[in-house]
């Protein structure tokens, strides 16, 4: 009998913004909502399970723009047990993930986010360059 292998590749075609902020996640979310005119809401925590570290729970906010069909996700990089979602980017406090963004320029979004008082810095980077990029697929 012939054997077949099913290879599934994850889709990393989304905009990724790293945010450094000392504010609590709900306060940062409020500022992003105001700056981008969106409505991020608290969702169930993002749960990741690892063999060595066990379960990690990361604070998670989401918003779906029904008019433009754009998805926004805000994820805290540090879990409740102080483990990193993306360990190679340990200086980043939060990740803003934007999927299906064909309406807004990423530079315009970045400029708006940098205008928030509680944000120290924000920058974009390619998720394909991350070693632990699989943690961003949900």
Protein backbone atom coordinates (compact mmCIF):
# COMPACT_ATOMS: atom_id res chain seq x y z
CA UNK A 1 0.00 0.00 0.00
CA UNK A 2 1.21 3.46 -0.87
CA UNK A 3 1.76 5.93 1.99
CA UNK A 4 1.10 9.64 1.74
CA UNK A 5 2.28 12.44 3.97
CA UNK A 6 0.17 15.47 4.66
CA UNK A 7 2.31 18.58 5.05
CA UNK A 8 0.60 21.59 6.54
CA UNK A 9 2.29 24.95 6.51
CA UNK A 10 1.18 27.69 8.84
CA UNK A 11 0.32 31.06 7.38
CA UNK A 12 2.50 33.87 8.73
CA UNK A 13 1.20 36.56 6.39
CA UNK A 14 0.16 39.09 8.99
CA UNK A 15 1.48 42.38 10.32
CA UNK A 16 3.29 42.11 13.63
CA UNK A 17 4.01 45.06 15.90
CA UNK A 18 6.10 44.75 19.05
CA UNK A 19 5.12 47.16 21.83
CA UNK A 20 7.10 48.17 24.89
CA UNK A 21 4.90 49.57 27.65
CA UNK A 22 4.92 49.44 31.43
CA UNK A 23 1.13 49.82 31.66
CA UNK A 24 -1.27 47.02 32.48
CA UNK A 25 -2.81 45.25 29.51
CA UNK A 26 -6.31 46.75 29.96
CA UNK A 27 -4.88 50.28 30.10
CA UNK A 28 -2.77 49.71 26.98
CA UNK A 29 -5.77 48.20 25.22
CA UNK A 30 -7.82 51.30 26.00
CA UNK A 31 -5.11 53.52 24.47
CA UNK A 32 -4.85 51.39 21.32
CA UNK A 33 -8.63 51.37 20.92
CA UNK A 34 -8.71 55.13 21.13
CA UNK A 35 -5.73 55.66 18.78
CA UNK A 36 -6.87 53.21 16.09
CA UNK A 37 -10.66 53.66 16.51
CA UNK A 38 -11.17 49.96 17.13
CA UNK A 39 -12.73 48.00 19.99
CA UNK A 40 -10.31 45.39 21.33
CA UNK A 41 -12.02 43.31 24.01
CA UNK A 42 -10.67 40.90 26.60
CA UNK A 43 -10.89 37.32 25.39
CA UNK A 44 -9.97 34.03 27.03
CA UNK A 45 -6.27 33.88 27.81
CA UNK A 46 -4.09 32.35 25.11
CA UNK A 47 -3.08 28.93 26.39
CA UNK A 48 0.11 27.23 25.22
CA UNK A 49 1.25 23.84 26.49
CA UNK A 50 4.90 22.80 26.49
CA UNK A 51 6.50 19.55 27.60
CA UNK A 52 9.07 21.14 29.89
CA UNK A 53 7.39 24.34 31.06
CA UNK A 54 3.78 23.11 31.17
CA UNK A 55 0.86 25.42 30.44
CA UNK A 56 1.39 29.12 29.81
CA UNK A 57 -1.48 31.63 29.92
CA UNK A 58 -0.99 34.93 28.09
CA UNK A 59 -3.40 37.84 28.35
CA UNK A 60 -5.32 38.09 25.04
CA UNK A 61 -7.52 40.77 23.44
CA UNK A 62 -9.25 40.58 20.08
CA UNK A 63 -11.34 42.63 17.66
CA UNK A 64 -12.81 41.84 14.26
CA UNK A 65 -13.60 44.77 11.96
CA UNK A 66 -16.68 43.55 10.08
CA UNK A 67 -16.59 46.39 7.55
CA UNK A 68 -12.95 45.90 6.49
CA UNK A 69 -12.63 42.20 7.54
CA UNK A 70 -9.47 42.96 9.51
CA UNK A 71 -8.58 40.99 12.64
CA UNK A 72 -6.69 42.60 15.54
CA UNK A 73 -5.09 40.69 18.41
CA UNK A 74 -3.16 42.04 21.37
CA UNK A 75 -1.13 39.41 23.24
CA UNK A 76 1.03 39.89 26.31
CA UNK A 77 4.53 38.46 25.84
CA UNK A 78 4.92 37.41 29.49
CA UNK A 79 2.65 34.70 30.90
CA UNK A 80 1.34 34.51 34.45
CA UNK A 81 4.22 32.21 35.41
CA UNK A 82 6.75 34.64 33.85
CA UNK A 83 7.46 32.62 30.68
CA UNK A 84 7.83 34.40 27.34
CA UNK A 85 5.58 33.83 24.34
CA UNK A 86 8.47 34.80 22.04
CA UNK A 87 11.65 34.30 24.11
CA UNK A 88 13.99 35.79 21.51
CA UNK A 89 12.13 39.12 21.83
CA UNK A 90 12.34 39.43 25.60
CA UNK A 91 12.38 43.25 25.51
CA UNK A 92 8.86 43.33 24.03
CA UNK A 93 5.93 43.52 26.44
CA UNK A 94 3.04 43.07 23.97
CA UNK A 95 2.44 41.96 20.39
CA UNK A 96 -0.22 43.50 18.17
CA UNK A 97 -1.10 41.08 15.39
CA UNK A 98 -3.11 42.40 12.44
CA UNK A 99 -4.49 39.89 9.94
CA UNK A 100 -6.06 40.59 6.52
CA UNK A 101 -4.98 44.22 6.62
CA UNK A 102 -5.57 45.60 3.14
CA UNK A 103 -7.11 48.92 4.15
CA UNK A 104 -4.65 50.64 6.51
CA UNK A 105 -0.97 51.22 6.02
CA UNK A 106 1.18 49.56 8.66
CA UNK A 107 3.24 52.74 9.00
CA UNK A 108 0.08 54.75 9.74
CA UNK A 109 -0.90 52.24 12.42
CA UNK A 110 2.60 52.34 13.89
CA UNK A 111 2.59 56.15 13.97
CA UNK A 112 -0.78 56.17 15.75
CA UNK A 113 0.41 53.63 18.31
CA UNK A 114 3.63 55.54 19.00
CA UNK A 115 1.49 58.58 19.82
CA UNK A 116 0.03 56.85 22.89
CA UNK A 117 1.60 58.25 26.08
CA UNK A 118 1.97 54.89 27.81
CA UNK A 119 3.95 53.32 24.96
CA UNK A 120 7.71 53.65 25.22
CA UNK A 121 8.38 52.31 21.72
CA UNK A 122 6.77 50.22 19.01
CA UNK A 123 8.19 48.65 15.89
CA UNK A 124 7.27 46.18 13.18
CA UNK A 125 9.11 43.04 12.24
CA UNK A 126 8.65 40.00 10.03
CA UNK A 127 7.16 37.00 11.89
CA UNK A 128 9.02 34.62 9.55
CA UNK A 129 12.31 35.72 11.12
CA UNK A 130 11.28 34.53 14.58
CA UNK A 131 12.49 31.19 15.87
CA UNK A 132 9.34 30.61 17.95
CA UNK A 133 6.90 32.04 15.40
CA UNK A 134 4.61 29.01 15.79
CA UNK A 135 3.46 30.46 19.13
CA UNK A 136 1.74 33.25 17.17
CA UNK A 137 -0.58 30.91 15.27
CA UNK A 138 -4.03 30.67 16.84
